C-alpha atoms as a PDB file:
ATOM      1  CA  MET A   1      75.223  85.739  91.202  1.00  0.00           C
ATOM      2  CA  PHE A   2      76.678  84.524  94.444  1.00  0.00           C
ATOM      3  CA  ASN A   3      79.572  87.042  94.231  1.00  0.00           C
ATOM      4  CA  GLN A   4      77.170  89.907  93.507  1.00  0.00           C
ATOM      5  CA  ILE A   5      75.110  89.103  96.646  1.00  0.00           C
ATOM      6  CA  LYS A   6      78.328  88.685  98.675  1.00  0.00           C
ATOM      7  CA  TRP A   7      79.812  91.967  97.558  1.00  0.00           C
ATOM      8  CA  ALA A   8      76.538  93.838  98.104  1.00  0.00           C
ATOM      9  CA  PHE A   9      76.407  92.437 101.633  1.00  0.00           C
ATOM     10  CA  GLN A  10      80.046  93.388 102.337  1.00  0.00           C
ATOM     11  CA  ARG A  11      79.341  97.019 101.103  1.00  0.00           C
ATOM     12  CA  VAL A  12      76.353  97.305 103.485  1.00  0.00           C
ATOM     13  CA  VAL A  13      78.257  95.849 106.457  1.00  0.00           C
ATOM     14  CA  ARG A  14      81.723  97.290 105.908  1.00  0.00           C
ATOM     15  CA  GLY A  15      81.206 100.119 103.484  1.00  0.00           C
ATOM     16  CA  TYR A  16      83.420  98.363 100.894  1.00  0.00           C
ATOM     17  CA  ASP A  17      83.719  94.933  99.343  1.00  0.00           C
ATOM     18  CA  ASP A  18      86.617  92.486  98.651  1.00  0.00           C
ATOM     19  CA  ARG A  19      87.108  93.730  95.157  1.00  0.00           C
ATOM     20  CA  ILE A  20      88.837  96.848  96.564  1.00  0.00           C
ATOM     21  CA  THR A  21      91.882  94.808  97.510  1.00  0.00           C
ATOM     22  CA  CYS A  22      93.274  95.127  94.029  1.00  0.00           C
ATOM     23  CA  SER A  23      93.570  98.046  91.548  1.00  0.00           C
ATOM     24  CA  TYR A  24      93.679 100.729  94.284  1.00  0.00           C
ATOM     25  CA  ASP A  25      94.711 103.217  91.563  1.00  0.00           C
ATOM     26  CA  SER A  26      91.462 102.628  89.715  1.00  0.00           C
ATOM     27  CA  HIS A  27      89.498 103.511  92.840  1.00  0.00           C
ATOM     28  CA  LEU A  28      91.516 106.638  93.358  1.00  0.00           C
ATOM     29  CA  LEU A  29      91.095 107.671  89.797  1.00  0.00           C
ATOM     30  CA  LEU A  30      87.336 107.455  90.176  1.00  0.00           C
ATOM     31  CA  MET A  31      87.542 110.339  92.622  1.00  0.00           C
ATOM     32  CA  MET A  32      89.280 112.778  90.190  1.00  0.00           C
ATOM     33  CA  LYS A  33      86.137 114.399  88.838  1.00  0.00           C
ATOM     34  CA  PRO A  34      84.696 115.277  92.268  1.00  0.00           C
ATOM     35  CA  LEU A  35      88.076 116.317  93.522  1.00  0.00           C
ATOM     36  CA  LYS A  36      88.556 118.628  90.511  1.00  0.00           C
ATOM     37  CA  GLN A  37      85.025 120.073  91.111  1.00  0.00           C
ATOM     38  CA  SER A  38      85.744 120.642  94.814  1.00  0.00           C
ATOM     39  CA  CYS A  39      89.051 122.430  94.022  1.00  0.00           C
ATOM     40  CA  LEU A  40      87.418 124.591  91.425  1.00  0.00           C
ATOM     41  CA  GLU A  41      84.604 125.591  93.794  1.00  0.00           C
ATOM     42  CA  TRP A  42      87.101 126.578  96.496  1.00  0.00           C
ATOM     43  CA  LEU A  43      89.291 128.468  94.002  1.00  0.00           C
ATOM     44  CA  GLY A  44      86.165 130.327  92.846  1.00  0.00           C
ATOM     45  CA  ASP A  45      85.631 131.751  96.367  1.00  0.00           C
ATOM     46  CA  ARG A  46      87.857 134.759  96.193  1.00  0.00           C
ATOM     47  CA  ASP A  47      87.866 135.475  99.957  1.00  0.00           C
ATOM     48  CA  TRP A  48      88.861 131.929 100.710  1.00  0.00           C
ATOM     49  CA  ALA A  49      91.496 131.709  97.970  1.00  0.00           C
ATOM     50  CA  GLU A  50      93.244 134.940  99.160  1.00  0.00           C
ATOM     51  CA  HIS A  51      93.270 133.818 102.760  1.00  0.00           C
ATOM     52  CA  PHE A  52      94.746 130.354 102.118  1.00  0.00           C
ATOM     53  CA  THR A  53      97.467 130.995  99.593  1.00  0.00           C
ATOM     54  CA  GLY A  54      99.327 127.708 100.190  1.00  0.00           C
ATOM     55  CA  ARG A  55      96.207 125.678  99.628  1.00  0.00           C
ATOM     56  CA  LYS A  56      95.357 127.792  96.577  1.00  0.00           C
ATOM     57  CA  GLU A  57      98.595 126.786  94.899  1.00  0.00           C
ATOM     58  CA  ILE A  58      98.031 123.113  95.654  1.00  0.00           C
ATOM     59  CA  TYR A  59      94.466 123.232  94.431  1.00  0.00           C
ATOM     60  CA  GLU A  60      95.575 124.970  91.196  1.00  0.00           C
ATOM     61  CA  LYS A  61      98.260 122.314  90.604  1.00  0.00           C
ATOM     62  CA  THR A  62      95.766 119.583  91.357  1.00  0.00           C
ATOM     63  CA  VAL A  63      93.319 120.912  88.763  1.00  0.00           C
ATOM     64  CA  GLU A  64      96.152 121.281  86.260  1.00  0.00           C
ATOM     65  CA  LEU A  65      97.296 117.613  86.774  1.00  0.00           C
ATOM     66  CA  ILE A  66      93.715 116.282  86.663  1.00  0.00           C
ATOM     67  CA  GLU A  67      93.043 118.120  83.401  1.00  0.00           C
ATOM     68  CA  LYS A  68      96.315 116.836  81.926  1.00  0.00           C
ATOM     69  CA  TRP A  69      95.211 113.326  82.886  1.00  0.00           C
ATOM     70  CA  GLU A  70      91.656 113.851  81.471  1.00  0.00           C
ATOM     71  CA  GLN A  71      93.080 115.136  78.162  1.00  0.00           C
ATOM     72  CA  ARG A  72      95.398 112.245  77.647  1.00  0.00           C
ATOM     73  CA  LYS A  73      95.495 110.960  74.041  1.00  0.00           C
ATOM     74  CA  ASP A  74      94.218 107.684  72.879  1.00  0.00           C
ATOM     75  CA  GLY A  75      97.118 105.489  71.804  1.00  0.00           C
ATOM     76  CA  LEU A  76      99.376 106.336  74.706  1.00  0.00           C
ATOM     77  CA  SER A  77     101.629 103.460  75.618  1.00  0.00           C
ATOM     78  CA  PHE A  78     101.036 101.636  78.906  1.00  0.00           C
ATOM     79  CA  ILE A  79     104.155 103.302  80.310  1.00  0.00           C
ATOM     80  CA  GLU A  80     103.058 106.812  79.183  1.00  0.00           C
ATOM     81  CA  GLU A  81      99.579 106.188  80.744  1.00  0.00           C
ATOM     82  CA  ASN A  82     101.129 105.029  84.005  1.00  0.00           C
ATOM     83  CA  ASP A  83     103.430 107.966  84.089  1.00  0.00           C
ATOM     84  CA  LEU A  84     100.466 110.346  83.913  1.00  0.00           C
ATOM     85  CA  GLN A  85      98.631 108.431  86.679  1.00  0.00           C
ATOM     86  CA  ASP A  86     101.783 108.207  88.850  1.00  0.00           C
ATOM     87  CA  GLU A  87     102.317 112.001  88.591  1.00  0.00           C
ATOM     88  CA  LEU A  88      98.672 112.715  89.442  1.00  0.00           C
ATOM     89  CA  CYS A  89      98.221 110.138  92.236  1.00  0.00           C
ATOM     90  CA  GLY A  90     101.681 110.946  93.681  1.00  0.00           C
ATOM     91  CA  TYR A  91     100.833 114.600  93.852  1.00  0.00           C
ATOM     92  CA  ILE A  92      97.496 114.013  95.483  1.00  0.00           C
ATOM     93  CA  GLY A  93      99.070 111.532  97.931  1.00  0.00           C
ATOM     94  CA  LYS A  94     101.790 114.047  98.938  1.00  0.00           C
ATOM     95  CA  HIS A  95      99.171 116.707  99.631  1.00  0.00           C
ATOM     96  CA  ILE A  96      96.243 114.504 100.815  1.00  0.00           C
ATOM     97  CA  HIS A  97      95.923 116.454 104.091  1.00  0.00           C
ATOM     98  CA  TRP A  98      95.080 119.598 102.145  1.00  0.00           C
ATOM     99  CA  TYR A  99      91.877 118.270 100.523  1.00  0.00           C
END
């Protein structure tokens, strides 16, 4: 109970709590659904997509990688699962300034 109160207080004061200091990949992966939705919305805007061709390609690849990660099969080995996450997170990290 003490930790729950402490973490809630930290989130109010800092906007995050101490638990974020580990498993950064888990926190990043929680953002995949809204990132995919955002990319799809922008790609659905024809005028925008035609005007920003470089961004269009990045958004399309992002959606492709997120869908590949979402459709991963149960029973993947730890290494296979990490390879999918590394590919996805690496691509997003490389293009973070485009989102």
